[in-house]
Amino acid sequence: MNSKCPVLGPKCDLCDCTGRRCSEMFPGLKVEWPELRGVSGVEAKMIIERENPKVVAFIYPEGLFYLPEVMCCNRVLLYVPADNCPNGPVINSPFVG
């Protein structure tokens, strides 16, 4: 794993929604980015943060343990191959939560 690959996210703003269910919290802003699957993690991060400045996208290496039941309304997770982090292609469909 590349030492430049962030593995810690921002302080979590807890919520009870993910993806489209969070739309009311972000009127007029995107909350899902399925089109970014396959795009470089670094490029996807820039796009997400430009399209929704109320969230921070974090790039995680595939296989890193993460608690998905913790929903954070200020965070979008991008998973990339561990051997090409943070520049590898996004392997998940990113969404808020």
PDB file of N, CA and C in Angstrom:
ATOM      1  N   MET A   1       0.839  -1.175   0.000  1.00  0.00           N
ATOM      2  CA  MET A   1       0.000   0.000   0.000  1.00  0.00           C
ATOM      3  C   MET A   1       0.880   1.233   0.000  1.00  0.00           C
ATOM      4  N   ASN A   2       0.484   2.216  -0.762  1.00  0.00           N
ATOM      5  CA  ASN A   2       1.202   3.474  -0.864  1.00  0.00           C
ATOM      6  C   ASN A   2       1.010   4.268   0.419  1.00  0.00           C
ATOM      7  N   SER A   3       2.075   4.835   0.949  1.00  0.00           N
ATOM      8  CA  SER A   3       1.976   5.601   2.193  1.00  0.00           C
ATOM      9  C   SER A   3       1.148   6.875   2.024  1.00  0.00           C
ATOM     10  N   LYS A   4       0.895   7.281   0.799  1.00  0.00           N
ATOM     11  CA  LYS A   4       0.072   8.462   0.560  1.00  0.00           C
ATOM     12  C   LYS A   4      -1.412   8.139   0.585  1.00  0.00           C
ATOM     13  N   CYS A   5      -1.746   6.887   0.735  1.00  0.00           N
ATOM     14  CA  CYS A   5      -3.140   6.487   0.726  1.00  0.00           C
ATOM     15  C   CYS A   5      -3.756   6.757   2.093  1.00  0.00           C
ATOM     16  N   PRO A   6      -4.716   7.669   2.174  1.00  0.00           N
ATOM     17  CA  PRO A   6      -5.337   7.935   3.465  1.00  0.00           C
ATOM     18  C   PRO A   6      -6.131   6.728   3.950  1.00  0.00           C
ATOM     19  N   VAL A   7      -6.055   6.473   5.232  1.00  0.00           N
ATOM     20  CA  VAL A   7      -6.832   5.387   5.796  1.00  0.00           C
ATOM     21  C   VAL A   7      -7.724   5.865   6.939  1.00  0.00           C
ATOM     22  N   LEU A   8      -7.581   7.092   7.372  1.00  0.00           N
ATOM     23  CA  LEU A   8      -8.430   7.635   8.414  1.00  0.00           C
ATOM     24  C   LEU A   8      -9.367   8.674   7.830  1.00  0.00           C
ATOM     25  N   GLY A   9     -10.624   8.593   8.198  1.00  0.00           N
ATOM     26  CA  GLY A   9     -11.603   9.543   7.708  1.00  0.00           C
ATOM     27  C   GLY A   9     -11.743  10.736   8.642  1.00  0.00           C
ATOM     28  N   PRO A  10     -12.591  11.700   8.255  1.00  0.00           N
ATOM     29  CA  PRO A  10     -12.830  12.866   9.114  1.00  0.00           C
ATOM     30  C   PRO A  10     -13.689  12.456  10.297  1.00  0.00           C
ATOM     31  N   LYS A  11     -13.837  13.376  11.233  1.00  0.00           N
ATOM     32  CA  LYS A  11     -14.771  13.134  12.325  1.00  0.00           C
ATOM     33  C   LYS A  11     -16.134  12.830  11.705  1.00  0.00           C
ATOM     34  N   CYS A  12     -16.768  11.789  12.183  1.00  0.00           N
ATOM     35  CA  CYS A  12     -18.021  11.314  11.608  1.00  0.00           C
ATOM     36  C   CYS A  12     -19.205  12.123  12.111  1.00  0.00           C
ATOM     37  N   ASP A  13     -19.992  12.650  11.170  1.00  0.00           N
ATOM     38  CA  ASP A  13     -21.283  13.250  11.501  1.00  0.00           C
ATOM     39  C   ASP A  13     -22.316  12.145  11.333  1.00  0.00           C
ATOM     40  N   LEU A  14     -22.705  11.527  12.436  1.00  0.00           N
ATOM     41  CA  LEU A  14     -23.616  10.385  12.387  1.00  0.00           C
ATOM     42  C   LEU A  14     -24.970  10.761  11.810  1.00  0.00           C
ATOM     43  N   CYS A  15     -25.540   9.825  11.056  1.00  0.00           N
ATOM     44  CA  CYS A  15     -26.865  10.011  10.491  1.00  0.00           C
ATOM     45  C   CYS A  15     -27.512   8.638  10.349  1.00  0.00           C
ATOM     46  N   ASP A  16     -28.735   8.634   9.887  1.00  0.00           N
ATOM     47  CA  ASP A  16     -29.440   7.366   9.709  1.00  0.00           C
ATOM     48  C   ASP A  16     -29.830   7.142   8.257  1.00  0.00           C
ATOM     49  N   CYS A  17     -29.008   7.645   7.351  1.00  0.00           N
ATOM     50  CA  CYS A  17     -29.311   7.478   5.936  1.00  0.00           C
ATOM     51  C   CYS A  17     -28.039   7.190   5.144  1.00  0.00           C
ATOM     52  N   THR A  18     -28.235   6.674   3.949  1.00  0.00           N
ATOM     53  CA  THR A  18     -27.149   6.499   2.984  1.00  0.00           C
ATOM     54  C   THR A  18     -27.695   6.806   1.598  1.00  0.00           C
ATOM     55  N   GLY A  19     -26.802   7.195   0.698  1.00  0.00           N
ATOM     56  CA  GLY A  19     -27.186   7.409  -0.699  1.00  0.00           C
ATOM     57  C   GLY A  19     -28.378   8.327  -0.864  1.00  0.00           C
ATOM     58  N   ARG A  20     -29.319   7.916  -1.705  1.00  0.00           N
ATOM     59  CA  ARG A  20     -30.484   8.754  -2.028  1.00  0.00           C
ATOM     60  C   ARG A  20     -31.310   9.127  -0.806  1.00  0.00           C
ATOM     61  N   ARG A  21     -31.299   8.277   0.204  1.00  0.00           N
ATOM     62  CA  ARG A  21     -32.065   8.570   1.417  1.00  0.00           C
ATOM     63  C   ARG A  21     -31.526   9.808   2.129  1.00  0.00           C
ATOM     64  N   CYS A  22     -30.318  10.253   1.769  1.00  0.00           N
ATOM     65  CA  CYS A  22     -29.720  11.450   2.373  1.00  0.00           C
ATOM     66  C   CYS A  22     -29.999  12.715   1.555  1.00  0.00           C
ATOM     67  N   SER A  23     -30.748  12.598   0.486  1.00  0.00           N
ATOM     68  CA  SER A  23     -30.977  13.740  -0.415  1.00  0.00           C
ATOM     69  C   SER A  23     -31.526  14.964   0.295  1.00  0.00           C
ATOM     70  N   GLU A  24     -32.397  14.767   1.271  1.00  0.00           N
ATOM     71  CA  GLU A  24     -32.988  15.910   1.974  1.00  0.00           C
ATOM     72  C   GLU A  24     -31.941  16.721   2.736  1.00  0.00           C
ATOM     73  N   MET A  25     -30.858  16.071   3.132  1.00  0.00           N
ATOM     74  CA  MET A  25     -29.791  16.772   3.854  1.00  0.00           C
ATOM     75  C   MET A  25     -28.935  17.626   2.928  1.00  0.00           C
ATOM     76  N   PHE A  26     -28.990  17.326   1.625  1.00  0.00           N
ATOM     77  CA  PHE A  26     -28.131  17.993   0.645  1.00  0.00           C
ATOM     78  C   PHE A  26     -28.959  18.478  -0.541  1.00  0.00           C
ATOM     79  N   PRO A  27     -29.918  19.394  -0.331  1.00  0.00           N
ATOM     80  CA  PRO A  27     -30.758  19.830  -1.450  1.00  0.00           C
ATOM     81  C   PRO A  27     -29.918  20.407  -2.595  1.00  0.00           C
ATOM     82  N   GLY A  28     -30.175  19.894  -3.773  1.00  0.00           N
ATOM     83  CA  GLY A  28     -29.478  20.373  -4.962  1.00  0.00           C
ATOM     84  C   GLY A  28     -28.088  19.800  -5.167  1.00  0.00           C
ATOM     85  N   LEU A  29     -27.632  18.931  -4.246  1.00  0.00           N
ATOM     86  CA  LEU A  29     -26.295  18.350  -4.363  1.00  0.00           C
ATOM     87  C   LEU A  29     -26.396  16.840  -4.584  1.00  0.00           C
ATOM     88  N   LYS A  30     -25.387  16.291  -5.206  1.00  0.00           N
ATOM     89  CA  LYS A  30     -25.359  14.849  -5.441  1.00  0.00           C
ATOM     90  C   LYS A  30     -25.053  14.095  -4.153  1.00  0.00           C
ATOM     91  N   VAL A  31     -25.581  12.871  -4.073  1.00  0.00           N
ATOM     92  CA  VAL A  31     -25.316  12.006  -2.924  1.00  0.00           C
ATOM     93  C   VAL A  31     -24.846  10.616  -3.360  1.00  0.00           C
ATOM     94  N   GLU A  32     -24.867  10.336  -4.661  1.00  0.00           N
ATOM     95  CA  GLU A  32     -24.405   9.053  -5.203  1.00  0.00           C
ATOM     96  C   GLU A  32     -23.612   9.311  -6.485  1.00  0.00           C
ATOM     97  N   TRP A  33     -22.591   8.482  -6.713  1.00  0.00           N
ATOM     98  CA  TRP A  33     -21.735   8.636  -7.889  1.00  0.00           C
ATOM     99  C   TRP A  33     -21.417   7.280  -8.513  1.00  0.00           C
ATOM    100  N   PRO A  34     -22.402   6.526  -8.989  1.00  0.00           N
ATOM    101  CA  PRO A  34     -22.112   5.218  -9.588  1.00  0.00           C
ATOM    102  C   PRO A  34     -21.249   5.327 -10.843  1.00  0.00           C
ATOM    103  N   GLU A  35     -21.294   6.460 -11.498  1.00  0.00           N
ATOM    104  CA  GLU A  35     -20.512   6.667 -12.721  1.00  0.00           C
ATOM    105  C   GLU A  35     -19.011   6.743 -12.454  1.00  0.00           C
ATOM    106  N   LEU A  36     -18.619   6.877 -11.196  1.00  0.00           N
ATOM    107  CA  LEU A  36     -17.191   6.990 -10.871  1.00  0.00           C
ATOM    108  C   LEU A  36     -16.526   5.636 -10.625  1.00  0.00           C
ATOM    109  N   ARG A  37     -17.282   4.573 -10.687  1.00  0.00           N
ATOM    110  CA  ARG A  37     -16.671   3.243 -10.578  1.00  0.00           C
ATOM    111  C   ARG A  37     -15.729   3.066 -11.766  1.00  0.00           C
ATOM    112  N   GLY A  38     -14.477   2.704 -11.472  1.00  0.00           N
ATOM    113  CA  GLY A  38     -13.481   2.536 -12.528  1.00  0.00           C
ATOM    114  C   GLY A  38     -12.608   3.763 -12.752  1.00  0.00           C
ATOM    115  N   VAL A  39     -12.993   4.898 -12.187  1.00  0.00           N
ATOM    116  CA  VAL A  39     -12.221   6.139 -12.307  1.00  0.00           C
ATOM    117  C   VAL A  39     -11.124   6.133 -11.237  1.00  0.00           C
ATOM    118  N   SER A  40     -10.016   6.760 -11.499  1.00  0.00           N
ATOM    119  CA  SER A  40      -8.930   6.887 -10.524  1.00  0.00           C
ATOM    120  C   SER A  40      -9.472   7.422  -9.196  1.00  0.00           C
ATOM    121  N   GLY A  41      -9.002   6.855  -8.082  1.00  0.00           N
ATOM    122  CA  GLY A  41      -9.438   7.304  -6.772  1.00  0.00           C
ATOM    123  C   GLY A  41      -9.216   8.783  -6.549  1.00  0.00           C
ATOM    124  N   VAL A  42      -8.071   9.283  -6.966  1.00  0.00           N
ATOM    125  CA  VAL A  42      -7.750  10.702  -6.782  1.00  0.00           C
ATOM    126  C   VAL A  42      -8.704  11.574  -7.596  1.00  0.00           C
ATOM    127  N   GLU A  43      -8.976  11.190  -8.834  1.00  0.00           N
ATOM    128  CA  GLU A  43      -9.895  11.952  -9.672  1.00  0.00           C
ATOM    129  C   GLU A  43     -11.322  11.890  -9.120  1.00  0.00           C
ATOM    130  N   ALA A  44     -11.749  10.705  -8.681  1.00  0.00           N
ATOM    131  CA  ALA A  44     -13.095  10.552  -8.113  1.00  0.00           C
ATOM    132  C   ALA A  44     -13.265  11.432  -6.873  1.00  0.00           C
ATOM    133  N   LYS A  45     -12.256  11.482  -6.030  1.00  0.00           N
ATOM    134  CA  LYS A  45     -12.295  12.326  -4.823  1.00  0.00           C
ATOM    135  C   LYS A  45     -12.525  13.790  -5.200  1.00  0.00           C
ATOM    136  N   MET A  46     -11.800  14.283  -6.186  1.00  0.00           N
ATOM    137  CA  MET A  46     -11.945  15.680  -6.617  1.00  0.00           C
ATOM    138  C   MET A  46     -13.344  15.940  -7.153  1.00  0.00           C
ATOM    139  N   ILE A  47     -13.878  15.022  -7.949  1.00  0.00           N
ATOM    140  CA  ILE A  47     -15.213  15.186  -8.533  1.00  0.00           C
ATOM    141  C   ILE A  47     -16.275  15.217  -7.439  1.00  0.00           C
ATOM    142  N   ILE A  48     -16.221  14.259  -6.520  1.00  0.00           N
ATOM    143  CA  ILE A  48     -17.216  14.184  -5.441  1.00  0.00           C
ATOM    144  C   ILE A  48     -17.201  15.445  -4.598  1.00  0.00           C
ATOM    145  N   GLU A  49     -16.032  15.888  -4.192  1.00  0.00           N
ATOM    146  CA  GLU A  49     -15.943  17.069  -3.333  1.00  0.00           C
ATOM    147  C   GLU A  49     -16.326  18.352  -4.061  1.00  0.00           C
ATOM    148  N   ARG A  50     -16.179  18.370  -5.374  1.00  0.00           N
ATOM    149  CA  ARG A  50     -16.632  19.523  -6.161  1.00  0.00           C
ATOM    150  C   ARG A  50     -18.158  19.496  -6.292  1.00  0.00           C
ATOM    151  N   GLU A  51     -18.734  18.304  -6.511  1.00  0.00           N
ATOM    152  CA  GLU A  51     -20.172  18.198  -6.725  1.00  0.00           C
ATOM    153  C   GLU A  51     -20.974  18.242  -5.427  1.00  0.00           C
ATOM    154  N   ASN A  52     -20.340  17.950  -4.299  1.00  0.00           N
ATOM    155  CA  ASN A  52     -20.994  18.084  -3.002  1.00  0.00           C
ATOM    156  C   ASN A  52     -19.946  18.548  -1.985  1.00  0.00           C
ATOM    157  N   PRO A  53     -19.778  19.856  -1.853  1.00  0.00           N
ATOM    158  CA  PRO A  53     -18.747  20.390  -0.957  1.00  0.00           C
ATOM    159  C   PRO A  53     -19.019  20.162   0.532  1.00  0.00           C
ATOM    160  N   LYS A  54     -20.142  19.557   0.870  1.00  0.00           N
ATOM    161  CA  LYS A  54     -20.449  19.269   2.272  1.00  0.00           C
ATOM    162  C   LYS A  54     -19.933  17.906   2.714  1.00  0.00           C
ATOM    163  N   VAL A  55     -19.307  17.156   1.793  1.00  0.00           N
ATOM    164  CA  VAL A  55     -18.761  15.848   2.138  1.00  0.00           C
ATOM    165  C   VAL A  55     -17.271  15.796   1.824  1.00  0.00           C
ATOM    166  N   VAL A  56     -16.602  14.833   2.438  1.00  0.00           N
ATOM    167  CA  VAL A  56     -15.197  14.574   2.158  1.00  0.00           C
ATOM    168  C   VAL A  56     -15.108  13.132   1.664  1.00  0.00           C
ATOM    169  N   ALA A  57     -14.466  12.941   0.530  1.00  0.00           N
ATOM    170  CA  ALA A  57     -14.263  11.597   0.000  1.00  0.00           C
ATOM    171  C   ALA A  57     -12.927  11.072   0.495  1.00  0.00           C
ATOM    172  N   PHE A  58     -12.928   9.859   1.023  1.00  0.00           N
ATOM    173  CA  PHE A  58     -11.706   9.234   1.506  1.00  0.00           C
ATOM    174  C   PHE A  58     -11.410   7.981   0.719  1.00  0.00           C
ATOM    175  N   ILE A  59     -10.160   7.825   0.359  1.00  0.00           N
ATOM    176  CA  ILE A  59      -9.701   6.697  -0.444  1.00  0.00           C
ATOM    177  C   ILE A  59      -9.137   5.637   0.491  1.00  0.00           C
ATOM    178  N   TYR A  60      -9.708   4.464   0.429  1.00  0.00           N
ATOM    179  CA  TYR A  60      -9.289   3.353   1.281  1.00  0.00           C
ATOM    180  C   TYR A  60      -8.808   2.198   0.418  1.00  0.00           C
ATOM    181  N   PRO A  61      -7.765   1.512   0.842  1.00  0.00           N
ATOM    182  CA  PRO A  61      -7.333   0.321   0.104  1.00  0.00           C
ATOM    183  C   PRO A  61      -8.335  -0.811   0.309  1.00  0.00           C
ATOM    184  N   GLU A  62      -8.606  -1.528  -0.757  1.00  0.00           N
ATOM    185  CA  GLU A  62      -9.508  -2.676  -0.699  1.00  0.00           C
ATOM    186  C   GLU A  62      -9.027  -3.645   0.378  1.00  0.00           C
ATOM    187  N   GLY A  63      -9.947  -4.177   1.145  1.00  0.00           N
ATOM    188  CA  GLY A  63      -9.603  -5.137   2.180  1.00  0.00           C
ATOM    189  C   GLY A  63      -9.379  -4.517   3.539  1.00  0.00           C
ATOM    190  N   LEU A  64      -9.315  -3.200   3.625  1.00  0.00           N
ATOM    191  CA  LEU A  64      -9.150  -2.538   4.914  1.00  0.00           C
ATOM    192  C   LEU A  64     -10.445  -2.710   5.695  1.00  0.00           C
ATOM    193  N   PHE A  65     -10.349  -3.121   6.927  1.00  0.00           N
ATOM    194  CA  PHE A  65     -11.534  -3.313   7.746  1.00  0.00           C
ATOM    195  C   PHE A  65     -12.186  -1.973   8.006  1.00  0.00           C
ATOM    196  N   TYR A  66     -13.468  -1.913   7.775  1.00  0.00           N
ATOM    197  CA  TYR A  66     -14.241  -0.698   8.017  1.00  0.00           C
ATOM    198  C   TYR A  66     -15.612  -1.112   8.532  1.00  0.00           C
ATOM    199  N   LEU A  67     -16.194  -0.342   9.442  1.00  0.00           N
ATOM    200  CA  LEU A  67     -17.503  -0.667  10.003  1.00  0.00           C
ATOM    201  C   LEU A  67     -18.603  -0.028   9.160  1.00  0.00           C
ATOM    202  N   PRO A  68     -19.168  -0.760   8.185  1.00  0.00           N
ATOM    203  CA  PRO A  68     -20.159  -0.159   7.293  1.00  0.00           C
ATOM    204  C   PRO A  68     -21.451   0.244   7.993  1.00  0.00           C
ATOM    205  N   GLU A  69     -21.737  -0.335   9.180  1.00  0.00           N
ATOM    206  CA  GLU A  69     -22.967   0.034   9.867  1.00  0.00           C
ATOM    207  C   GLU A  69     -22.891   1.430  10.472  1.00  0.00           C
ATOM    208  N   VAL A  70     -21.713   2.046  10.493  1.00  0.00           N
ATOM    209  CA  VAL A  70     -21.568   3.418  10.951  1.00  0.00           C
ATOM    210  C   VAL A  70     -21.802   4.334   9.762  1.00  0.00           C
ATOM    211  N   MET A  71     -22.907   5.069   9.793  1.00  0.00           N
ATOM    212  CA  MET A  71     -23.248   5.944   8.670  1.00  0.00           C
ATOM    213  C   MET A  71     -22.851   7.373   9.011  1.00  0.00           C
ATOM    214  N   CYS A  72     -22.006   7.949   8.169  1.00  0.00           N
ATOM    215  CA  CYS A  72     -21.505   9.310   8.358  1.00  0.00           C
ATOM    216  C   CYS A  72     -21.963  10.167   7.190  1.00  0.00           C
ATOM    217  N   CYS A  73     -22.730  11.190   7.492  1.00  0.00           N
ATOM    218  CA  CYS A  73     -23.295  12.031   6.432  1.00  0.00           C
ATOM    219  C   CYS A  73     -22.303  12.990   5.804  1.00  0.00           C
ATOM    220  N   ASN A  74     -21.107  13.054   6.346  1.00  0.00           N
ATOM    221  CA  ASN A  74     -20.104  13.947   5.789  1.00  0.00           C
ATOM    222  C   ASN A  74     -18.996  13.179   5.072  1.00  0.00           C
ATOM    223  N   ARG A  75     -19.223  11.901   4.804  1.00  0.00           N
ATOM    224  CA  ARG A  75     -18.143  11.083   4.259  1.00  0.00           C
ATOM    225  C   ARG A  75     -18.633  10.220   3.098  1.00  0.00           C
ATOM    226  N   VAL A  76     -17.757  10.075   2.111  1.00  0.00           N
ATOM    227  CA  VAL A  76     -17.954   9.158   0.993  1.00  0.00           C
ATOM    228  C   VAL A  76     -16.705   8.291   0.936  1.00  0.00           C
ATOM    229  N   LEU A  77     -16.897   6.982   0.920  1.00  0.00           N
ATOM    230  CA  LEU A  77     -15.761   6.056   0.875  1.00  0.00           C
ATOM    231  C   LEU A  77     -15.492   5.609  -0.549  1.00  0.00           C
ATOM    232  N   LEU A  78     -14.220   5.645  -0.907  1.00  0.00           N
ATOM    233  CA  LEU A  78     -13.767   5.165  -2.212  1.00  0.00           C
ATOM    234  C   LEU A  78     -12.801   4.014  -1.958  1.00  0.00           C
ATOM    235  N   TYR A  79     -13.128   2.842  -2.446  1.00  0.00           N
ATOM    236  CA  TYR A  79     -12.228   1.699  -2.303  1.00  0.00           C
ATOM    237  C   TYR A  79     -11.469   1.495  -3.601  1.00  0.00           C
ATOM    238  N   VAL A  80     -10.160   1.340  -3.489  1.00  0.00           N
ATOM    239  CA  VAL A  80      -9.291   1.096  -4.645  1.00  0.00           C
ATOM    240  C   VAL A  80      -8.415  -0.118  -4.332  1.00  0.00           C
ATOM    241  N   PRO A  81      -7.820  -0.752  -5.356  1.00  0.00           N
ATOM    242  CA  PRO A  81      -6.927  -1.881  -5.085  1.00  0.00           C
ATOM    243  C   PRO A  81      -5.794  -1.472  -4.146  1.00  0.00           C
ATOM    244  N   ALA A  82      -5.511  -2.315  -3.160  1.00  0.00           N
ATOM    245  CA  ALA A  82      -4.495  -1.998  -2.152  1.00  0.00           C
ATOM    246  C   ALA A  82      -3.120  -1.771  -2.766  1.00  0.00           C
ATOM    247  N   ASP A  83      -2.817  -2.440  -3.874  1.00  0.00           N
ATOM    248  CA  ASP A  83      -1.495  -2.302  -4.483  1.00  0.00           C
ATOM    249  C   ASP A  83      -1.374  -1.063  -5.369  1.00  0.00           C
ATOM    250  N   ASN A  84      -2.457  -0.284  -5.484  1.00  0.00           N
ATOM    251  CA  ASN A  84      -2.416   0.919  -6.309  1.00  0.00           C
ATOM    252  C   ASN A  84      -3.230   2.026  -5.638  1.00  0.00           C
ATOM    253  N   CYS A  85      -2.984   2.221  -4.377  1.00  0.00           N
ATOM    254  CA  CYS A  85      -3.719   3.215  -3.601  1.00  0.00           C
ATOM    255  C   CYS A  85      -2.839   4.455  -3.427  1.00  0.00           C
ATOM    256  N   PRO A  86      -3.315   5.623  -3.742  1.00  0.00           N
ATOM    257  CA  PRO A  86      -4.684   6.060  -3.954  1.00  0.00           C
ATOM    258  C   PRO A  86      -5.086   6.207  -5.421  1.00  0.00           C
ATOM    259  N   ASN A  87      -4.187   5.867  -6.354  1.00  0.00           N
ATOM    260  CA  ASN A  87      -4.439   6.152  -7.772  1.00  0.00           C
ATOM    261  C   ASN A  87      -5.227   5.092  -8.524  1.00  0.00           C
ATOM    262  N   GLY A  88      -5.425   3.939  -7.932  1.00  0.00           N
ATOM    263  CA  GLY A  88      -6.119   2.857  -8.615  1.00  0.00           C
ATOM    264  C   GLY A  88      -7.563   3.176  -8.903  1.00  0.00           C
ATOM    265  N   PRO A  89      -8.212   2.350  -9.723  1.00  0.00           N
ATOM    266  CA  PRO A  89      -9.615   2.593 -10.069  1.00  0.00           C
ATOM    267  C   PRO A  89     -10.546   2.304  -8.890  1.00  0.00           C
ATOM    268  N   VAL A  90     -11.541   3.124  -8.737  1.00  0.00           N
ATOM    269  CA  VAL A  90     -12.547   2.937  -7.696  1.00  0.00           C
ATOM    270  C   VAL A  90     -13.311   1.638  -7.990  1.00  0.00           C
ATOM    271  N   ILE A  91     -13.423   0.773  -6.988  1.00  0.00           N
ATOM    272  CA  ILE A  91     -14.069  -0.537  -7.212  1.00  0.00           C
ATOM    273  C   ILE A  91     -15.467  -0.607  -6.613  1.00  0.00           C
ATOM    274  N   ASN A  92     -15.890   0.429  -5.896  1.00  0.00           N
ATOM    275  CA  ASN A  92     -17.247   0.462  -5.369  1.00  0.00           C
ATOM    276  C   ASN A  92     -18.035   1.566  -6.060  1.00  0.00           C
ATOM    277  N   SER A  93     -19.332   1.611  -5.798  1.00  0.00           N
ATOM    278  CA  SER A  93     -20.164   2.716  -6.282  1.00  0.00           C
ATOM    279  C   SER A  93     -20.314   3.700  -5.124  1.00  0.00           C
ATOM    280  N   PRO A  94     -19.606   4.815  -5.181  1.00  0.00           N
ATOM    281  CA  PRO A  94     -19.564   5.737  -4.043  1.00  0.00           C
ATOM    282  C   PRO A  94     -20.903   6.398  -3.740  1.00  0.00           C
ATOM    283  N   PHE A  95     -21.162   6.578  -2.428  1.00  0.00           N
ATOM    284  CA  PHE A  95     -22.367   7.266  -1.982  1.00  0.00           C
ATOM    285  C   PHE A  95     -22.131   7.866  -0.601  1.00  0.00           C
ATOM    286  N   VAL A  96     -22.928   8.880  -0.264  1.00  0.00           N
ATOM    287  CA  VAL A  96     -22.871   9.495   1.058  1.00  0.00           C
ATOM    288  C   VAL A  96     -23.343   8.475   2.079  1.00  0.00           C
ATOM    289  N   GLY A  97     -22.720   8.487   3.235  1.00  0.00           N
ATOM    290  CA  GLY A  97     -23.158   7.606   4.314  1.00  0.00           C
ATOM    291  C   GLY A  97     -22.099   6.646   4.660  1.00  0.00           C
TER     292      GLY A  97
END
